[in-house]
Amino acid sequence: MYKVGYIDDSAKTFTNYTYGLLEYDIELICTNEKMSKVQLVNWVLDNQIEAVMIDYKLNPKFEFVGTELIAYLNDKLPGLQCVVLTSYKSNSLEEKLVPKVLTYDRDIFSELDWTEIADTLKEYCQIFRNRMHLLINMKIYITKLKKKMLTLKKMRNF
């Protein structure tokens, strides 16, 4: 099961998207609760989310738009893949904070076949998993290397 977060100022699409994506082995974890950017980072971490869909127009509930949140999340959680889901695609693209390839028109969910978006979200989750695996392996390697260097340093001092 893939875990995808969905942040929107309105809950009206939550049920439809949640059940629709469940057919593609995607657990959609939704929130429309007003939170700060820091709180949303914690929400992502607490829910072990592997990719995030974010509505562009989050105001007036939130004090920022989706593209600003994505820029923040990318800074704080660099391996996390985020996409903009919007009815205001041109506004989102004009800001140049999120690439066109990561900006989806909300109409993609009005199509009968959600295979394309589901496959994309699953790919983003897999990318996140792979990056986290590499990061963990790198940290293990660095820890072992530090221990080895410390041992060599001790041996030289004898």
C-alpha atoms as a PDB file:
ATOM      1  CA  MET A   1       0.000   0.000   0.000  1.00  0.00           C
ATOM      2  CA  TYR A   2       1.265   3.452  -0.930  1.00  0.00           C
ATOM      3  CA  LYS A   3       0.600   6.384   1.439  1.00  0.00           C
ATOM      4  CA  VAL A   4      -0.259   9.677  -0.230  1.00  0.00           C
ATOM      5  CA  GLY A   5      -1.219  12.827   1.638  1.00  0.00           C
ATOM      6  CA  TYR A   6      -3.804  15.255   0.336  1.00  0.00           C
ATOM      7  CA  ILE A   7      -4.033  18.816   1.627  1.00  0.00           C
ATOM      8  CA  ASP A   8      -7.006  20.922   0.615  1.00  0.00           C
ATOM      9  CA  ASP A   9      -8.983  23.738   2.220  1.00  0.00           C
ATOM     10  CA  SER A  10     -12.204  21.835   1.534  1.00  0.00           C
ATOM     11  CA  ALA A  11     -13.126  18.235   2.334  1.00  0.00           C
ATOM     12  CA  LYS A  12     -15.685  17.903  -0.483  1.00  0.00           C
ATOM     13  CA  THR A  13     -13.461  15.650  -2.656  1.00  0.00           C
ATOM     14  CA  PHE A  14     -11.872  13.610   0.148  1.00  0.00           C
ATOM     15  CA  THR A  15     -14.289  10.658   0.080  1.00  0.00           C
ATOM     16  CA  ASN A  16     -14.371  10.350  -3.712  1.00  0.00           C
ATOM     17  CA  TYR A  17     -10.589  10.550  -4.095  1.00  0.00           C
ATOM     18  CA  THR A  18      -9.942   8.260  -1.121  1.00  0.00           C
ATOM     19  CA  TYR A  19     -12.149   5.434  -2.376  1.00  0.00           C
ATOM     20  CA  GLY A  20     -11.103   5.920  -6.006  1.00  0.00           C
ATOM     21  CA  LEU A  21      -7.379   5.676  -5.251  1.00  0.00           C
ATOM     22  CA  LEU A  22      -7.874   2.753  -2.881  1.00  0.00           C
ATOM     23  CA  GLU A  23      -8.628   0.645  -5.965  1.00  0.00           C
ATOM     24  CA  TYR A  24      -5.041   1.368  -7.080  1.00  0.00           C
ATOM     25  CA  ASP A  25      -3.465   0.334  -3.759  1.00  0.00           C
ATOM     26  CA  ILE A  26      -3.104   3.950  -2.594  1.00  0.00           C
ATOM     27  CA  GLU A  27      -4.119   5.003   0.886  1.00  0.00           C
ATOM     28  CA  LEU A  28      -5.068   8.676   0.691  1.00  0.00           C
ATOM     29  CA  ILE A  29      -4.621  10.518   3.977  1.00  0.00           C
ATOM     30  CA  CYS A  30      -6.483  13.809   3.840  1.00  0.00           C
ATOM     31  CA  THR A  31      -6.538  17.004   5.848  1.00  0.00           C
ATOM     32  CA  ASN A  32      -8.293  20.312   5.554  1.00  0.00           C
ATOM     33  CA  GLU A  33      -7.407  21.289   9.110  1.00  0.00           C
ATOM     34  CA  LYS A  34      -5.816  24.723   9.330  1.00  0.00           C
ATOM     35  CA  MET A  35      -2.145  24.222  10.144  1.00  0.00           C
ATOM     36  CA  SER A  36       1.084  26.126   9.772  1.00  0.00           C
ATOM     37  CA  LYS A  37       3.757  24.927   7.376  1.00  0.00           C
ATOM     38  CA  VAL A  38       5.710  23.475  10.310  1.00  0.00           C
ATOM     39  CA  GLN A  39       2.613  21.607  11.527  1.00  0.00           C
ATOM     40  CA  LEU A  40       2.054  20.228   8.033  1.00  0.00           C
ATOM     41  CA  VAL A  41       5.623  18.894   7.937  1.00  0.00           C
ATOM     42  CA  ASN A  42       4.887  17.114  11.212  1.00  0.00           C
ATOM     43  CA  TRP A  43       1.574  15.826   9.803  1.00  0.00           C
ATOM     44  CA  VAL A  44       3.453  14.325   6.840  1.00  0.00           C
ATOM     45  CA  LEU A  45       6.006  12.704   9.144  1.00  0.00           C
ATOM     46  CA  ASP A  46       3.453  11.481  11.716  1.00  0.00           C
ATOM     47  CA  ASN A  47       1.386   9.814   8.994  1.00  0.00           C
ATOM     48  CA  GLN A  48       4.444   8.356   7.214  1.00  0.00           C
ATOM     49  CA  ILE A  49       3.320   9.917   3.946  1.00  0.00           C
ATOM     50  CA  GLU A  50       5.407   9.078   0.854  1.00  0.00           C
ATOM     51  CA  ALA A  51       4.006  11.650  -1.606  1.00  0.00           C
ATOM     52  CA  VAL A  52       1.655  14.626  -1.292  1.00  0.00           C
ATOM     53  CA  MET A  53      -1.056  16.179  -3.433  1.00  0.00           C
ATOM     54  CA  ILE A  54      -1.744  19.790  -2.511  1.00  0.00           C
ATOM     55  CA  ASP A  55      -4.526  22.035  -3.704  1.00  0.00           C
ATOM     56  CA  TYR A  56      -3.257  25.314  -5.131  1.00  0.00           C
ATOM     57  CA  LYS A  57      -5.884  27.609  -3.618  1.00  0.00           C
ATOM     58  CA  LEU A  58      -5.664  26.873   0.097  1.00  0.00           C
ATOM     59  CA  ASN A  59      -6.739  30.316   1.240  1.00  0.00           C
ATOM     60  CA  PRO A  60      -8.562  31.740   3.119  1.00  0.00           C
ATOM     61  CA  LYS A  61      -8.222  28.759   5.492  1.00  0.00           C
ATOM     62  CA  PHE A  62      -4.425  28.627   5.145  1.00  0.00           C
ATOM     63  CA  GLU A  63      -2.118  31.643   5.009  1.00  0.00           C
ATOM     64  CA  PHE A  64      -0.325  30.389   1.886  1.00  0.00           C
ATOM     65  CA  VAL A  65      -1.057  28.792  -1.471  1.00  0.00           C
ATOM     66  CA  GLY A  66      -0.159  25.232  -2.411  1.00  0.00           C
ATOM     67  CA  THR A  67       2.928  26.113  -4.415  1.00  0.00           C
ATOM     68  CA  GLU A  68       4.411  27.977  -1.431  1.00  0.00           C
ATOM     69  CA  LEU A  69       3.739  24.936   0.751  1.00  0.00           C
ATOM     70  CA  ILE A  70       5.417  22.638  -1.772  1.00  0.00           C
ATOM     71  CA  ALA A  71       8.510  24.864  -1.860  1.00  0.00           C
ATOM     72  CA  TYR A  72       8.608  24.702   1.950  1.00  0.00           C
ATOM     73  CA  LEU A  73       8.094  20.920   2.066  1.00  0.00           C
ATOM     74  CA  ASN A  74      10.796  20.412  -0.569  1.00  0.00           C
ATOM     75  CA  ASP A  75      13.179  22.408   1.613  1.00  0.00           C
ATOM     76  CA  LYS A  76      12.342  20.541   4.826  1.00  0.00           C
ATOM     77  CA  LEU A  77      11.733  17.047   3.358  1.00  0.00           C
ATOM     78  CA  PRO A  78      13.866  16.960   0.178  1.00  0.00           C
ATOM     79  CA  GLY A  79      13.023  13.380  -0.821  1.00  0.00           C
ATOM     80  CA  LEU A  80       9.263  13.919  -0.673  1.00  0.00           C
ATOM     81  CA  GLN A  81       7.507  14.234  -4.035  1.00  0.00           C
ATOM     82  CA  CYS A  82       4.732  16.849  -4.064  1.00  0.00           C
ATOM     83  CA  VAL A  83       2.213  17.694  -6.771  1.00  0.00           C
ATOM     84  CA  VAL A  84      -0.202  20.566  -7.183  1.00  0.00           C
ATOM     85  CA  LEU A  85      -3.800  19.566  -7.813  1.00  0.00           C
ATOM     86  CA  THR A  86      -5.778  22.590  -8.934  1.00  0.00           C
ATOM     87  CA  SER A  87      -8.514  24.212 -10.924  1.00  0.00           C
ATOM     88  CA  TYR A  88      -6.181  27.243 -11.214  1.00  0.00           C
ATOM     89  CA  LYS A  89      -3.357  25.654 -13.192  1.00  0.00           C
ATOM     90  CA  SER A  90      -2.237  28.849 -14.939  1.00  0.00           C
ATOM     91  CA  ASN A  91      -1.923  30.715 -11.604  1.00  0.00           C
ATOM     92  CA  SER A  92       0.152  27.891 -10.197  1.00  0.00           C
ATOM     93  CA  LEU A  93       2.453  27.801 -13.216  1.00  0.00           C
ATOM     94  CA  GLU A  94       2.953  31.580 -13.313  1.00  0.00           C
ATOM     95  CA  GLU A  95       4.644  31.499  -9.891  1.00  0.00           C
ATOM     96  CA  LYS A  96       7.433  29.193 -11.138  1.00  0.00           C
ATOM     97  CA  LEU A  97       7.654  27.453  -7.730  1.00  0.00           C
ATOM     98  CA  VAL A  98       6.547  24.029  -8.986  1.00  0.00           C
ATOM     99  CA  PRO A  99       7.407  22.541 -12.387  1.00  0.00           C
ATOM    100  CA  LYS A 100       4.659  22.091 -14.957  1.00  0.00           C
ATOM    101  CA  VAL A 101       5.137  18.314 -14.848  1.00  0.00           C
ATOM    102  CA  LEU A 102       4.130  18.344 -11.145  1.00  0.00           C
ATOM    103  CA  THR A 103       1.014  20.444 -11.697  1.00  0.00           C
ATOM    104  CA  TYR A 104      -2.232  18.603 -12.403  1.00  0.00           C
ATOM    105  CA  ASP A 105      -5.622  19.939 -13.323  1.00  0.00           C
ATOM    106  CA  ARG A 106      -8.267  18.721 -10.893  1.00  0.00           C
ATOM    107  CA  ASP A 107     -10.207  17.443 -13.935  1.00  0.00           C
ATOM    108  CA  ILE A 108      -7.875  14.423 -14.027  1.00  0.00           C
ATOM    109  CA  PHE A 109     -10.108  12.940 -11.317  1.00  0.00           C
ATOM    110  CA  SER A 110     -13.274  13.467 -13.349  1.00  0.00           C
ATOM    111  CA  GLU A 111     -12.048  10.953 -15.931  1.00  0.00           C
ATOM    112  CA  LEU A 112     -13.309   7.381 -15.703  1.00  0.00           C
ATOM    113  CA  ASP A 113      -9.826   5.910 -15.677  1.00  0.00           C
ATOM    114  CA  TRP A 114      -7.499   7.106 -12.914  1.00  0.00           C
ATOM    115  CA  THR A 115      -4.662   4.811 -13.958  1.00  0.00           C
ATOM    116  CA  GLU A 116      -2.368   7.611 -15.131  1.00  0.00           C
ATOM    117  CA  ILE A 117      -2.531   9.685 -11.939  1.00  0.00           C
ATOM    118  CA  ALA A 118      -2.483   6.568  -9.744  1.00  0.00           C
ATOM    119  CA  ASP A 119       0.610   5.235 -11.509  1.00  0.00           C
ATOM    120  CA  THR A 120       2.289   8.630 -11.170  1.00  0.00           C
ATOM    121  CA  LEU A 121       1.549   8.802  -7.438  1.00  0.00           C
ATOM    122  CA  LYS A 122       2.806   5.250  -6.930  1.00  0.00           C
ATOM    123  CA  GLU A 123       5.986   6.088  -8.828  1.00  0.00           C
ATOM    124  CA  TYR A 124       6.522   9.134  -6.581  1.00  0.00           C
ATOM    125  CA  CYS A 125       6.029   6.948  -3.495  1.00  0.00           C
ATOM    126  CA  GLN A 126       8.551   4.446  -4.811  1.00  0.00           C
ATOM    127  CA  ILE A 127      11.038   7.242  -5.513  1.00  0.00           C
ATOM    128  CA  PHE A 128      10.619   8.408  -1.921  1.00  0.00           C
ATOM    129  CA  ARG A 129      11.148   4.867  -0.602  1.00  0.00           C
ATOM    130  CA  ASN A 130      14.281   4.444  -2.725  1.00  0.00           C
ATOM    131  CA  ARG A 131      15.706   7.782  -1.604  1.00  0.00           C
ATOM    132  CA  MET A 132      15.059   6.971   2.044  1.00  0.00           C
ATOM    133  CA  HIS A 133      16.710   3.580   1.597  1.00  0.00           C
ATOM    134  CA  LEU A 134      19.790   5.254   0.089  1.00  0.00           C
ATOM    135  CA  LEU A 135      19.858   7.813   2.878  1.00  0.00           C
ATOM    136  CA  ILE A 136      19.689   5.107   5.555  1.00  0.00           C
ATOM    137  CA  ASN A 137      22.456   3.112   3.856  1.00  0.00           C
ATOM    138  CA  MET A 138      24.581   6.253   3.570  1.00  0.00           C
ATOM    139  CA  LYS A 139      24.139   7.006   7.284  1.00  0.00           C
ATOM    140  CA  ILE A 140      25.092   3.415   8.174  1.00  0.00           C
ATOM    141  CA  TYR A 141      28.178   3.667   5.961  1.00  0.00           C
ATOM    142  CA  ILE A 142      29.227   6.999   7.491  1.00  0.00           C
ATOM    143  CA  THR A 143      28.758   5.610  11.009  1.00  0.00           C
ATOM    144  CA  LYS A 144      30.916   2.571  10.196  1.00  0.00           C
ATOM    145  CA  LEU A 145      33.531   4.770   8.555  1.00  0.00           C
ATOM    146  CA  LYS A 146      33.695   7.040  11.608  1.00  0.00           C
ATOM    147  CA  LYS A 147      34.128   4.024  13.893  1.00  0.00           C
ATOM    148  CA  LYS A 148      36.904   2.682  11.680  1.00  0.00           C
ATOM    149  CA  MET A 149      38.670   6.033  11.618  1.00  0.00           C
ATOM    150  CA  LEU A 150      38.407   6.294  15.398  1.00  0.00           C
ATOM    151  CA  THR A 151      39.886   2.802  15.768  1.00  0.00           C
ATOM    152  CA  LEU A 152      42.780   3.671  13.439  1.00  0.00           C
ATOM    153  CA  LYS A 153      43.392   6.888  15.333  1.00  0.00           C
ATOM    154  CA  LYS A 154      43.533   4.964  18.638  1.00  0.00           C
ATOM    155  CA  MET A 155      45.931   2.412  17.133  1.00  0.00           C
ATOM    156  CA  ARG A 156      48.306   5.198  16.015  1.00  0.00           C
ATOM    157  CA  ASN A 157      48.345   6.682  19.494  1.00  0.00           C
ATOM    158  CA  PHE A 158      49.636   3.423  21.051  1.00  0.00           C
END
